Amino acid sequence: MKSEATILAATPSRTTDFVALAKPRLNLLVVVSSMAGYAMGGGDTHDVWRMIAVALGTGLVAGGASAFNQVIERESDGKMQRTRLRPMPDRRVSVRDALLLASVLSIAGLATLAIAANVLSALVALVTLASYTVVYTPLKRMSSFATVVGAIPGALPPVIGWAAAQDALSRGAWVLFGIVFLWQLPHFLAISWIHREDYARAGLPMLSVIELDGRSIVR
């Protein structure tokens, strides 16, 4: 089975590169979890246009966050086998163009949520965007604790949906947040173990890199 990098290398194009920056396949899970939060929060599932707006807004913000992330991590991505052929480390897209794309996607997503749903859902999406790009991404180069911090923005999409449905963050929203937060930790740690050599090559202090016996990851 061909990797993402192999496919992109075989079919390079401007459109393909911009799509790759937004990571639509990965962010589909973000959209699905936000819609689950919307439904569990009692949102009107008969209001198709509102549901589309919530899904679109969440997906655009997630795409913007992914693009910002790839700009920030372009040097470390270039050192890892599985990411070295992404548009940024391969220099197929300029930093300026990538930042422009990230900004447009993020602003469009936040505006869609604020206008079509409510301001609260847009604020939760903004916290998700900021915690992912400003806190988690830089922290990856400094501490293995970044894995825990990164689970916070990863667990907020269902809260976006809940906020869009209720215009409030009641206990149910935080229960969903907790479930997704806890699920991500073994998921991230398993990925870091599989790709530990890549992370070491990039100088990222993942737990799998600083504790080679894997005991902490298993625990």
N, C-alpha and C. Protein backbone atom coordinates (compact mmCIF):
# COMPACT_ATOMS: atom_id res chain seq x y z
N MET A 1 0.84 -1.20 0.00
CA MET A 1 0.00 0.00 0.00
C MET A 1 0.87 1.24 0.00
N LYS A 2 0.62 2.18 -0.92
CA LYS A 2 1.45 3.36 -1.03
C LYS A 2 1.20 4.32 0.11
N SER A 3 2.27 4.96 0.57
CA SER A 3 2.14 5.96 1.63
C SER A 3 1.65 7.27 1.04
N GLU A 4 1.22 8.18 1.93
CA GLU A 4 0.78 9.51 1.51
C GLU A 4 1.89 10.22 0.77
N ALA A 5 3.12 10.11 1.29
CA ALA A 5 4.26 10.79 0.67
C ALA A 5 4.51 10.28 -0.74
N THR A 6 4.39 8.95 -0.95
CA THR A 6 4.62 8.35 -2.26
C THR A 6 3.59 8.83 -3.26
N ILE A 7 2.33 8.89 -2.83
CA ILE A 7 1.26 9.31 -3.72
C ILE A 7 1.46 10.76 -4.14
N LEU A 8 1.80 11.62 -3.17
CA LEU A 8 2.00 13.03 -3.47
C LEU A 8 3.18 13.24 -4.40
N ALA A 9 4.23 12.44 -4.18
CA ALA A 9 5.41 12.57 -5.02
C ALA A 9 5.10 12.14 -6.46
N ALA A 10 4.19 11.16 -6.61
CA ALA A 10 3.88 10.64 -7.94
C ALA A 10 2.97 11.59 -8.72
N THR A 11 2.15 12.41 -8.02
CA THR A 11 1.20 13.27 -8.69
C THR A 11 1.27 14.70 -8.13
N PRO A 12 2.41 15.35 -8.27
CA PRO A 12 2.54 16.70 -7.73
C PRO A 12 1.73 17.71 -8.53
N SER A 13 1.03 18.57 -7.85
CA SER A 13 0.31 19.67 -8.47
C SER A 13 0.03 20.71 -7.41
N ARG A 14 -0.25 21.91 -7.83
CA ARG A 14 -0.54 22.99 -6.89
C ARG A 14 -1.76 22.65 -6.04
N THR A 15 -2.80 22.15 -6.69
CA THR A 15 -4.04 21.81 -5.98
C THR A 15 -3.80 20.69 -4.98
N THR A 16 -3.09 19.66 -5.41
CA THR A 16 -2.80 18.53 -4.53
C THR A 16 -2.03 18.97 -3.30
N ASP A 17 -1.09 19.87 -3.50
CA ASP A 17 -0.27 20.35 -2.38
C ASP A 17 -1.11 21.14 -1.37
N PHE A 18 -1.99 21.99 -1.86
CA PHE A 18 -2.83 22.76 -0.95
C PHE A 18 -3.80 21.85 -0.20
N VAL A 19 -4.32 20.85 -0.90
CA VAL A 19 -5.21 19.89 -0.24
C VAL A 19 -4.45 19.12 0.83
N ALA A 20 -3.20 18.74 0.53
CA ALA A 20 -2.39 18.01 1.49
C ALA A 20 -2.12 18.83 2.75
N LEU A 21 -1.98 20.13 2.60
CA LEU A 21 -1.76 21.00 3.76
C LEU A 21 -2.95 20.99 4.70
N ALA A 22 -4.14 20.83 4.16
CA ALA A 22 -5.35 20.84 4.98
C ALA A 22 -5.69 19.47 5.57
N LYS A 23 -5.03 18.41 5.11
CA LYS A 23 -5.24 17.05 5.60
C LYS A 23 -6.73 16.68 5.70
N PRO A 24 -7.45 16.70 4.58
CA PRO A 24 -8.90 16.45 4.63
C PRO A 24 -9.28 15.06 5.13
N ARG A 25 -8.48 14.04 4.80
CA ARG A 25 -8.83 12.68 5.23
C ARG A 25 -8.75 12.55 6.74
N LEU A 26 -7.68 13.08 7.32
CA LEU A 26 -7.53 13.04 8.77
C LEU A 26 -8.59 13.89 9.45
N ASN A 27 -8.86 15.06 8.90
CA ASN A 27 -9.80 15.98 9.52
C ASN A 27 -11.26 15.58 9.33
N LEU A 28 -11.50 14.58 8.50
CA LEU A 28 -12.84 14.03 8.41
C LEU A 28 -13.27 13.47 9.76
N LEU A 29 -12.33 12.89 10.49
CA LEU A 29 -12.63 12.37 11.83
C LEU A 29 -12.99 13.50 12.79
N VAL A 30 -12.35 14.65 12.60
CA VAL A 30 -12.66 15.83 13.42
C VAL A 30 -14.10 16.26 13.17
N VAL A 31 -14.47 16.30 11.90
CA VAL A 31 -15.83 16.70 11.53
C VAL A 31 -16.86 15.71 12.07
N VAL A 32 -16.56 14.42 11.93
CA VAL A 32 -17.50 13.40 12.43
C VAL A 32 -17.69 13.52 13.93
N SER A 33 -16.60 13.76 14.67
CA SER A 33 -16.73 13.88 16.12
C SER A 33 -17.49 15.14 16.52
N SER A 34 -17.34 16.20 15.74
CA SER A 34 -18.09 17.42 16.04
C SER A 34 -19.58 17.20 15.79
N MET A 35 -19.91 16.45 14.76
CA MET A 35 -21.32 16.18 14.47
C MET A 35 -21.92 15.23 15.51
N ALA A 36 -21.09 14.33 16.04
CA ALA A 36 -21.55 13.46 17.12
C ALA A 36 -21.89 14.31 18.35
N GLY A 37 -21.03 15.30 18.64
CA GLY A 37 -21.30 16.20 19.75
C GLY A 37 -22.55 17.01 19.52
N TYR A 38 -22.78 17.42 18.29
CA TYR A 38 -23.99 18.17 17.94
C TYR A 38 -25.24 17.33 18.18
N ALA A 39 -25.20 16.08 17.73
CA ALA A 39 -26.36 15.20 17.90
C ALA A 39 -26.59 14.87 19.37
N MET A 40 -25.52 14.57 20.10
CA MET A 40 -25.66 14.22 21.52
C MET A 40 -26.08 15.43 22.35
N GLY A 41 -25.76 16.62 21.85
CA GLY A 41 -26.17 17.84 22.55
C GLY A 41 -27.60 18.24 22.26
N GLY A 42 -28.30 17.42 21.48
CA GLY A 42 -29.70 17.69 21.19
C GLY A 42 -29.91 18.68 20.07
N GLY A 43 -28.93 18.81 19.20
CA GLY A 43 -29.07 19.71 18.06
C GLY A 43 -30.16 19.25 17.11
N ASP A 44 -30.73 20.18 16.40
CA ASP A 44 -31.80 19.87 15.45
C ASP A 44 -31.23 19.16 14.23
N THR A 45 -31.38 17.85 14.19
CA THR A 45 -30.83 17.07 13.08
C THR A 45 -31.69 17.19 11.81
N HIS A 46 -32.84 17.84 11.92
CA HIS A 46 -33.67 18.07 10.74
C HIS A 46 -33.27 19.36 10.03
N ASP A 47 -32.51 20.20 10.71
CA ASP A 47 -32.02 21.43 10.10
C ASP A 47 -30.72 21.12 9.36
N VAL A 48 -30.89 20.66 8.13
CA VAL A 48 -29.76 20.18 7.34
C VAL A 48 -28.72 21.27 7.10
N TRP A 49 -29.18 22.48 6.79
CA TRP A 49 -28.24 23.56 6.49
C TRP A 49 -27.41 23.94 7.69
N ARG A 50 -28.02 23.91 8.88
CA ARG A 50 -27.26 24.22 10.09
C ARG A 50 -26.21 23.15 10.35
N MET A 51 -26.57 21.89 10.14
CA MET A 51 -25.62 20.79 10.33
C MET A 51 -24.47 20.90 9.34
N ILE A 52 -24.80 21.23 8.10
CA ILE A 52 -23.75 21.40 7.09
C ILE A 52 -22.81 22.54 7.49
N ALA A 53 -23.38 23.62 8.00
CA ALA A 53 -22.57 24.77 8.40
C ALA A 53 -21.64 24.41 9.55
N VAL A 54 -22.14 23.65 10.53
CA VAL A 54 -21.31 23.24 11.67
C VAL A 54 -20.18 22.33 11.19
N ALA A 55 -20.51 21.39 10.33
CA ALA A 55 -19.50 20.47 9.79
C ALA A 55 -18.47 21.23 8.96
N LEU A 56 -18.95 22.13 8.10
CA LEU A 56 -18.05 22.90 7.25
C LEU A 56 -17.15 23.81 8.07
N GLY A 57 -17.75 24.52 9.03
CA GLY A 57 -16.96 25.42 9.86
C GLY A 57 -15.88 24.69 10.63
N THR A 58 -16.26 23.55 11.23
CA THR A 58 -15.29 22.76 11.98
C THR A 58 -14.19 22.24 11.07
N GLY A 59 -14.57 21.75 9.90
CA GLY A 59 -13.60 21.21 8.96
C GLY A 59 -12.63 22.27 8.45
N LEU A 60 -13.12 23.48 8.21
CA LEU A 60 -12.25 24.56 7.74
C LEU A 60 -11.23 24.96 8.81
N VAL A 61 -11.69 25.06 10.06
CA VAL A 61 -10.77 25.40 11.15
C VAL A 61 -9.72 24.30 11.31
N ALA A 62 -10.17 23.05 11.23
CA ALA A 62 -9.23 21.93 11.35
C ALA A 62 -8.21 21.95 10.22
N GLY A 63 -8.67 22.27 9.01
CA GLY A 63 -7.75 22.37 7.88
C GLY A 63 -6.75 23.49 8.06
N GLY A 64 -7.21 24.62 8.60
CA GLY A 64 -6.31 25.72 8.87
C GLY A 64 -5.27 25.35 9.91
N ALA A 65 -5.70 24.66 10.96
CA ALA A 65 -4.77 24.22 12.01
C ALA A 65 -3.72 23.28 11.44
N SER A 66 -4.13 22.38 10.56
CA SER A 66 -3.19 21.44 9.95
C SER A 66 -2.15 22.17 9.10
N ALA A 67 -2.61 23.18 8.37
CA ALA A 67 -1.68 23.95 7.53
C ALA A 67 -0.69 24.74 8.39
N PHE A 68 -1.18 25.38 9.45
CA PHE A 68 -0.28 26.08 10.37
C PHE A 68 0.75 25.12 10.96
N ASN A 69 0.28 23.95 11.34
CA ASN A 69 1.15 22.93 11.93
C ASN A 69 2.28 22.53 10.97
N GLN A 70 1.95 22.35 9.71
CA GLN A 70 2.96 21.93 8.74
C GLN A 70 3.96 23.04 8.43
N VAL A 71 3.52 24.29 8.54
CA VAL A 71 4.46 25.40 8.38
C VAL A 71 5.47 25.40 9.53
N ILE A 72 4.95 25.27 10.74
CA ILE A 72 5.81 25.31 11.92
C ILE A 72 6.77 24.12 11.96
N GLU A 73 6.29 22.95 11.53
CA GLU A 73 7.09 21.73 11.64
C GLU A 73 7.81 21.35 10.34
N ARG A 74 7.96 22.29 9.42
CA ARG A 74 8.51 21.95 8.11
C ARG A 74 9.94 21.40 8.21
N GLU A 75 10.73 21.89 9.15
CA GLU A 75 12.11 21.40 9.26
C GLU A 75 12.16 20.00 9.84
N SER A 76 11.43 19.75 10.91
CA SER A 76 11.42 18.40 11.50
C SER A 76 10.73 17.41 10.58
N ASP A 77 9.70 17.85 9.84
CA ASP A 77 9.05 16.96 8.88
C ASP A 77 10.03 16.52 7.79
N GLY A 78 10.95 17.43 7.44
CA GLY A 78 11.92 17.11 6.40
C GLY A 78 12.93 16.06 6.82
N LYS A 79 13.04 15.80 8.12
CA LYS A 79 13.99 14.82 8.63
C LYS A 79 13.36 13.45 8.83
N MET A 80 12.05 13.37 8.71
CA MET A 80 11.36 12.10 8.95
C MET A 80 10.94 11.44 7.64
N GLN A 81 11.13 10.14 7.58
CA GLN A 81 10.86 9.40 6.35
C GLN A 81 9.41 9.52 5.91
N ARG A 82 8.51 9.45 6.88
CA ARG A 82 7.09 9.42 6.52
C ARG A 82 6.52 10.79 6.19
N THR A 83 7.25 11.88 6.47
CA THR A 83 6.72 13.21 6.22
C THR A 83 7.60 14.08 5.32
N ARG A 84 8.75 13.57 4.91
CA ARG A 84 9.73 14.40 4.21
C ARG A 84 9.24 14.89 2.85
N LEU A 85 8.26 14.21 2.25
CA LEU A 85 7.77 14.63 0.94
C LEU A 85 6.47 15.43 1.03
N ARG A 86 6.14 15.89 2.21
CA ARG A 86 5.00 16.80 2.33
C ARG A 86 5.35 18.12 1.62
N PRO A 87 4.35 18.91 1.27
CA PRO A 87 4.61 20.13 0.48
C PRO A 87 5.60 21.10 1.11
N MET A 88 5.57 21.27 2.44
CA MET A 88 6.45 22.25 3.06
C MET A 88 7.92 21.80 3.10
N PRO A 89 8.24 20.64 3.65
CA PRO A 89 9.66 20.24 3.65
C PRO A 89 10.22 20.02 2.25
N ASP A 90 9.36 19.65 1.31
CA ASP A 90 9.81 19.45 -0.06
C ASP A 90 9.84 20.76 -0.85
N ARG A 91 9.45 21.85 -0.20
CA ARG A 91 9.50 23.20 -0.75
C ARG A 91 8.68 23.36 -2.02
N ARG A 92 7.57 22.67 -2.08
CA ARG A 92 6.67 22.83 -3.22
C ARG A 92 5.68 23.98 -2.98
N VAL A 93 5.54 24.37 -1.72
CA VAL A 93 4.68 25.50 -1.36
C VAL A 93 5.50 26.45 -0.49
N SER A 94 5.41 27.73 -0.75
CA SER A 94 6.15 28.71 0.04
C SER A 94 5.49 28.90 1.40
N VAL A 95 6.27 29.38 2.35
CA VAL A 95 5.74 29.65 3.69
C VAL A 95 4.63 30.69 3.61
N ARG A 96 4.82 31.71 2.80
CA ARG A 96 3.81 32.76 2.66
C ARG A 96 2.48 32.20 2.16
N ASP A 97 2.54 31.38 1.11
CA ASP A 97 1.31 30.82 0.55
C ASP A 97 0.63 29.87 1.54
N ALA A 98 1.43 29.09 2.26
CA ALA A 98 0.86 28.16 3.24
C ALA A 98 0.20 28.91 4.39
N LEU A 99 0.85 29.98 4.85
CA LEU A 99 0.26 30.79 5.93
C LEU A 99 -1.01 31.48 5.46
N LEU A 100 -1.03 31.91 4.21
CA LEU A 100 -2.23 32.54 3.66
C LEU A 100 -3.38 31.54 3.62
N LEU A 101 -3.07 30.33 3.14
CA LEU A 101 -4.10 29.28 3.10
C LEU A 101 -4.61 28.97 4.50
N ALA A 102 -3.69 28.80 5.45
CA ALA A 102 -4.08 28.48 6.82
C ALA A 102 -4.96 29.58 7.41
N SER A 103 -4.60 30.82 7.16
CA SER A 103 -5.36 31.95 7.71
C SER A 103 -6.76 32.02 7.10
N VAL A 104 -6.83 31.86 5.78
CA VAL A 104 -8.14 31.93 5.10
C VAL A 104 -9.06 30.81 5.58
N LEU A 105 -8.53 29.59 5.66
CA LEU A 105 -9.34 28.47 6.13
C LEU A 105 -9.83 28.69 7.55
N SER A 106 -8.93 29.13 8.42
CA SER A 106 -9.28 29.33 9.83
C SER A 106 -10.33 30.42 10.01
N ILE A 107 -10.12 31.56 9.37
CA ILE A 107 -11.06 32.68 9.49
C ILE A 107 -12.42 32.31 8.91
N ALA A 108 -12.40 31.63 7.75
CA ALA A 108 -13.66 31.22 7.13
C ALA A 108 -14.42 30.24 8.02
N GLY A 109 -13.70 29.31 8.63
CA GLY A 109 -14.34 28.34 9.51
C GLY A 109 -14.93 28.98 10.75
N LEU A 110 -14.17 29.87 11.38
CA LEU A 110 -14.65 30.56 12.58
C LEU A 110 -15.86 31.43 12.26
N ALA A 111 -15.81 32.12 11.12
CA ALA A 111 -16.94 32.98 10.72
C ALA A 111 -18.18 32.14 10.43
N THR A 112 -18.00 31.00 9.79
CA THR A 112 -19.13 30.11 9.48
C THR A 112 -19.82 29.65 10.76
N LEU A 113 -19.02 29.23 11.73
CA LEU A 113 -19.59 28.77 13.01
C LEU A 113 -20.30 29.91 13.73
N ALA A 114 -19.67 31.08 13.77
CA ALA A 114 -20.25 32.21 14.49
C ALA A 114 -21.57 32.67 13.87
N ILE A 115 -21.63 32.68 12.55
CA ILE A 115 -22.82 33.19 11.85
C ILE A 115 -23.92 32.13 11.75
N ALA A 116 -23.54 30.91 11.37
CA ALA A 116 -24.56 29.88 11.11
C ALA A 116 -24.96 29.10 12.35
N ALA A 117 -24.09 29.08 13.37
CA ALA A 117 -24.42 28.35 14.61
C ALA A 117 -24.53 29.36 15.75
N ASN A 118 -23.44 29.62 16.44
CA ASN A 118 -23.42 30.63 17.50
C ASN A 118 -21.98 31.00 17.82
N VAL A 119 -21.82 32.08 18.56
CA VAL A 119 -20.49 32.58 18.88
C VAL A 119 -19.73 31.60 19.78
N LEU A 120 -20.45 30.90 20.67
CA LEU A 120 -19.79 29.98 21.59
C LEU A 120 -19.06 28.87 20.84
N SER A 121 -19.70 28.30 19.83
CA SER A 121 -19.04 27.23 19.06
C SER A 121 -17.81 27.76 18.35
N ALA A 122 -17.87 29.02 17.87
CA ALA A 122 -16.71 29.62 17.23
C ALA A 122 -15.59 29.85 18.24
N LEU A 123 -15.94 30.23 19.46
CA LEU A 123 -14.93 30.44 20.50
C LEU A 123 -14.24 29.13 20.87
N VAL A 124 -15.01 28.04 20.97
CA VAL A 124 -14.41 26.74 21.27
C VAL A 124 -13.48 26.33 20.13
N ALA A 125 -13.91 26.59 18.89
CA ALA A 125 -13.06 26.28 17.74
C ALA A 125 -11.78 27.11 17.76
N LEU A 126 -11.89 28.37 18.18
CA LEU A 126 -10.71 29.23 18.28
C LEU A 126 -9.74 28.72 19.33
N VAL A 127 -10.26 28.26 20.48
CA VAL A 127 -9.42 27.67 21.52
C VAL A 127 -8.73 26.41 20.98
N THR A 128 -9.47 25.62 20.21
CA THR A 128 -8.90 24.41 19.61
C THR A 128 -7.74 24.78 18.68
N LEU A 129 -7.98 25.75 17.83
CA LEU A 129 -6.95 26.20 16.88
C LEU A 129 -5.72 26.73 17.61
N ALA A 130 -5.93 27.59 18.60
CA ALA A 130 -4.82 28.22 19.31
C ALA A 130 -4.02 27.20 20.12
N SER A 131 -4.71 26.31 20.82
CA SER A 131 -4.01 25.34 21.66
C SER A 131 -3.21 24.34 20.81
N TYR A 132 -3.70 24.07 19.61
CA TYR A 132 -3.00 23.14 18.72
C TYR A 132 -1.76 23.77 18.09
N THR A 133 -1.92 25.00 17.61
CA THR A 133 -0.83 25.62 16.86
C THR A 133 0.15 26.40 17.74
N VAL A 134 -0.35 27.08 18.76
CA VAL A 134 0.50 27.96 19.57
C VAL A 134 1.11 27.23 20.76
N VAL A 135 0.41 26.22 21.29
CA VAL A 135 0.90 25.53 22.48
C VAL A 135 1.46 24.15 22.13
N TYR A 136 0.63 23.27 21.58
CA TYR A 136 1.04 21.88 21.35
C TYR A 136 2.19 21.75 20.34
N THR A 137 2.05 22.37 19.19
CA THR A 137 3.05 22.18 18.13
C THR A 137 4.46 22.62 18.56
N PRO A 138 4.64 23.81 19.14
CA PRO A 138 6.00 24.18 19.60
C PRO A 138 6.48 23.30 20.75
N LEU A 139 5.55 22.85 21.61
CA LEU A 139 5.93 22.05 22.77
C LEU A 139 6.50 20.68 22.37
N LYS A 140 6.13 20.20 21.18
CA LYS A 140 6.62 18.90 20.73
C LYS A 140 8.14 18.85 20.66
N ARG A 141 8.77 19.98 20.42
CA ARG A 141 10.24 20.03 20.33
C ARG A 141 10.90 20.11 21.69
N MET A 142 10.09 20.31 22.75
CA MET A 142 10.67 20.56 24.07
C MET A 142 10.39 19.47 25.10
N SER A 143 9.26 18.79 24.99
CA SER A 143 8.90 17.86 26.06
C SER A 143 7.97 16.75 25.55
N SER A 144 8.12 15.57 26.13
CA SER A 144 7.23 14.46 25.81
C SER A 144 5.83 14.72 26.35
N PHE A 145 5.70 15.68 27.27
CA PHE A 145 4.39 16.03 27.82
C PHE A 145 3.49 16.63 26.75
N ALA A 146 4.06 16.98 25.62
CA ALA A 146 3.27 17.53 24.51
C ALA A 146 2.17 16.57 24.09
N THR A 147 2.41 15.27 24.27
CA THR A 147 1.39 14.28 23.91
C THR A 147 0.12 14.50 24.70
N VAL A 148 0.27 14.79 25.99
CA VAL A 148 -0.90 15.06 26.83
C VAL A 148 -1.55 16.37 26.45
N VAL A 149 -0.74 17.40 26.23
CA VAL A 149 -1.26 18.70 25.85
C VAL A 149 -1.99 18.62 24.50
N GLY A 150 -1.44 17.86 23.57
CA GLY A 150 -2.04 17.74 22.26
C GLY A 150 -3.39 17.04 22.27
N ALA A 151 -3.64 16.26 23.31
CA ALA A 151 -4.93 15.58 23.42
C ALA A 151 -6.05 16.56 23.75
N ILE A 152 -5.70 17.75 24.24
CA ILE A 152 -6.73 18.75 24.57
C ILE A 152 -7.41 19.28 23.30
N PRO A 153 -6.67 19.86 22.34
CA PRO A 153 -7.36 20.29 21.11
C PRO A 153 -7.97 19.12 20.35
N GLY A 154 -7.37 17.93 20.49
CA GLY A 154 -7.92 16.77 19.82
C GLY A 154 -9.26 16.34 20.37
N ALA A 155 -9.54 16.71 21.63
CA ALA A 155 -10.79 16.31 22.28
C ALA A 155 -11.86 17.40 22.22
N LEU A 156 -11.54 18.56 21.67
CA LEU A 156 -12.49 19.67 21.65
C LEU A 156 -13.52 19.65 20.50
N PRO A 157 -13.27 18.98 19.36
CA PRO A 157 -14.28 18.98 18.30
C PRO A 157 -15.69 18.56 18.72
N PRO A 158 -15.87 17.49 19.52
CA PRO A 158 -17.24 17.20 19.94
C PRO A 158 -17.83 18.30 20.82
N VAL A 159 -16.98 19.04 21.52
CA VAL A 159 -17.44 20.17 22.32
C VAL A 159 -17.91 21.31 21.41
N ILE A 160 -17.27 21.47 20.27
CA ILE A 160 -17.72 22.46 19.27
C ILE A 160 -19.15 22.13 18.84
N GLY A 161 -19.38 20.85 18.53
CA GLY A 161 -20.71 20.43 18.12
C GLY A 161 -21.75 20.63 19.21
N TRP A 162 -21.37 20.28 20.44
CA TRP A 162 -22.27 20.45 21.59
C TRP A 162 -22.62 21.92 21.78
N ALA A 163 -21.62 22.78 21.69
CA ALA A 163 -21.84 24.22 21.83
C ALA A 163 -22.76 24.75 20.73
N ALA A 164 -22.57 24.23 19.51
CA ALA A 164 -23.43 24.65 18.41
C ALA A 164 -24.88 24.23 18.63
N ALA A 165 -25.07 23.11 19.30
CA ALA A 165 -26.42 22.59 19.54
C ALA A 165 -27.11 23.30 20.69
N GLN A 166 -26.39 23.55 21.79
CA GLN A 166 -27.02 24.06 23.01
C GLN A 166 -26.69 25.51 23.33
N ASP A 167 -25.67 26.06 22.68
CA ASP A 167 -25.17 27.39 23.03
C ASP A 167 -24.80 27.45 24.51
N ALA A 168 -24.29 26.33 25.01
CA ALA A 168 -23.86 26.22 26.41
C ALA A 168 -22.92 25.03 26.51
N LEU A 169 -22.06 25.02 27.53
CA LEU A 169 -21.15 23.91 27.76
C LEU A 169 -21.55 23.23 29.07
N SER A 170 -22.54 22.38 28.99
CA SER A 170 -23.03 21.66 30.16
C SER A 170 -22.17 20.44 30.43
N ARG A 171 -22.55 19.67 31.43
CA ARG A 171 -21.73 18.53 31.86
C ARG A 171 -21.51 17.52 30.74
N GLY A 172 -22.51 17.30 29.91
CA GLY A 172 -22.37 16.34 28.81
C GLY A 172 -21.24 16.67 27.87
N ALA A 173 -21.03 17.96 27.64
CA ALA A 173 -19.94 18.37 26.75
C ALA A 173 -18.59 17.94 27.31
N TRP A 174 -18.43 18.07 28.64
CA TRP A 174 -17.15 17.73 29.26
C TRP A 174 -16.97 16.23 29.41
N VAL A 175 -18.07 15.50 29.49
CA VAL A 175 -17.98 14.04 29.48
C VAL A 175 -17.44 13.57 28.13
N LEU A 176 -17.98 14.13 27.05
CA LEU A 176 -17.49 13.79 25.71
C LEU A 176 -16.02 14.17 25.57
N PHE A 177 -15.68 15.35 26.06
CA PHE A 177 -14.29 15.80 26.02
C PHE A 177 -13.38 14.79 26.73
N GLY A 178 -13.79 14.35 27.91
CA GLY A 178 -12.97 13.41 28.68
C GLY A 178 -12.79 12.08 27.99
N ILE A 179 -13.85 11.59 27.37
CA ILE A 179 -13.78 10.29 26.66
C ILE A 179 -12.76 10.37 25.52
N VAL A 180 -12.88 11.41 24.69
CA VAL A 180 -11.99 11.54 23.54
C VAL A 180 -10.56 11.84 24.00
N PHE A 181 -10.43 12.65 25.05
CA PHE A 181 -9.10 12.97 25.58
C PHE A 181 -8.37 11.70 26.01
N LEU A 182 -9.02 10.86 26.78
CA LEU A 182 -8.38 9.64 27.29
C LEU A 182 -8.10 8.65 26.16
N TRP A 183 -9.00 8.58 25.17
CA TRP A 183 -8.79 7.65 24.06
C TRP A 183 -7.53 7.99 23.28
N GLN A 184 -7.23 9.28 23.16
CA GLN A 184 -6.12 9.70 22.31
C GLN A 184 -4.75 9.30 22.86
N LEU A 185 -4.62 9.21 24.19
CA LEU A 185 -3.29 8.97 24.77
C LEU A 185 -2.69 7.64 24.31
N PRO A 186 -3.37 6.50 24.46
CA PRO A 186 -2.77 5.26 23.93
C PRO A 186 -2.63 5.28 22.42
N HIS A 187 -3.53 5.99 21.74
CA HIS A 187 -3.46 6.10 20.29
C HIS A 187 -2.18 6.82 19.87
N PHE A 188 -1.92 7.98 20.46
CA PHE A 188 -0.71 8.75 20.14
C PHE A 188 0.56 8.00 20.53
N LEU A 189 0.54 7.37 21.71
CA LEU A 189 1.72 6.67 22.17
C LEU A 189 2.06 5.47 21.28
N ALA A 190 1.03 4.80 20.79
CA ALA A 190 1.27 3.67 19.88
C ALA A 190 1.91 4.16 18.58
N ILE A 191 1.41 5.27 18.06
CA ILE A 191 1.99 5.84 16.84
C ILE A 191 3.44 6.26 17.08
N SER A 192 3.69 6.87 18.23
CA SER A 192 5.06 7.32 18.52
C SER A 192 6.02 6.14 18.64
N TRP A 193 5.52 4.99 19.12
CA TRP A 193 6.38 3.81 19.23
C TRP A 193 6.69 3.24 17.85
N ILE A 194 5.68 3.19 17.00
CA ILE A 194 5.87 2.67 15.65
C ILE A 194 6.88 3.52 14.88
N HIS A 195 6.82 4.83 15.06
CA HIS A 195 7.67 5.75 14.30
C HIS A 195 8.77 6.36 15.17
N ARG A 196 9.22 5.64 16.19
CA ARG A 196 10.19 6.18 17.13
C ARG A 196 11.51 6.56 16.47
N GLU A 197 11.94 5.80 15.46
CA GLU A 197 13.19 6.14 14.79
C GLU A 197 13.07 7.45 14.02
N ASP A 198 11.91 7.66 13.40
CA ASP A 198 11.67 8.90 12.69
C ASP A 198 11.68 10.09 13.65
N TYR A 199 11.00 9.94 14.77
CA TYR A 199 10.94 11.02 15.75
C TYR A 199 12.33 11.33 16.31
N ALA A 200 13.11 10.29 16.54
CA ALA A 200 14.48 10.49 17.03
C ALA A 200 15.31 11.24 16.00
N ARG A 201 15.15 10.88 14.75
CA ARG A 201 15.90 11.53 13.67
C ARG A 201 15.56 13.02 13.58
N ALA A 202 14.30 13.35 13.89
CA ALA A 202 13.86 14.74 13.83
C ALA A 202 14.16 15.51 15.11
N GLY A 203 14.66 14.81 16.13
CA GLY A 203 14.99 15.47 17.39
C GLY A 203 13.78 15.79 18.24
N LEU A 204 12.70 15.03 18.08
CA LEU A 204 11.48 15.27 18.87
C LEU A 204 11.51 14.35 20.10
N PRO A 205 11.47 14.90 21.31
CA PRO A 205 11.61 14.10 22.52
C PRO A 205 10.34 13.37 22.93
N MET A 206 9.84 12.53 22.03
CA MET A 206 8.67 11.72 22.36
C MET A 206 9.06 10.70 23.44
N LEU A 207 8.06 10.20 24.15
CA LEU A 207 8.34 9.22 25.21
C LEU A 207 9.04 7.99 24.64
N SER A 208 8.68 7.63 23.42
CA SER A 208 9.30 6.46 22.79
C SER A 208 10.76 6.70 22.44
N VAL A 209 11.17 7.96 22.39
CA VAL A 209 12.54 8.31 22.05
C VAL A 209 13.41 8.41 23.30
N ILE A 210 12.86 8.99 24.36
CA ILE A 210 13.67 9.21 25.57
C ILE A 210 13.67 8.00 26.49
N GLU A 211 12.72 7.08 26.32
CA GLU A 211 12.70 5.83 27.09
C GLU A 211 12.58 4.67 26.13
N LEU A 212 13.71 4.17 25.71
CA LEU A 212 13.77 3.19 24.62
C LEU A 212 13.20 1.83 24.98
N ASP A 213 13.08 1.50 26.27
CA ASP A 213 12.59 0.18 26.62
C ASP A 213 11.07 0.06 26.46
N GLY A 214 10.38 1.17 26.30
CA GLY A 214 8.94 1.15 26.05
C GLY A 214 8.07 0.86 27.25
N ARG A 215 8.65 0.75 28.43
CA ARG A 215 7.86 0.38 29.61
C ARG A 215 6.85 1.47 29.98
N SER A 216 7.26 2.72 29.90
CA SER A 216 6.35 3.81 30.23
C SER A 216 5.18 3.86 29.26
N ILE A 217 5.47 3.60 27.99
CA ILE A 217 4.40 3.60 26.98
C ILE A 217 3.40 2.49 27.27
N VAL A 218 3.89 1.31 27.63
CA VAL A 218 3.01 0.19 27.94
C VAL A 218 2.14 0.52 29.15
N ARG A 219 2.74 1.11 30.20
CA ARG A 219 1.98 1.48 31.39
C ARG A 219 0.90 2.49 31.05
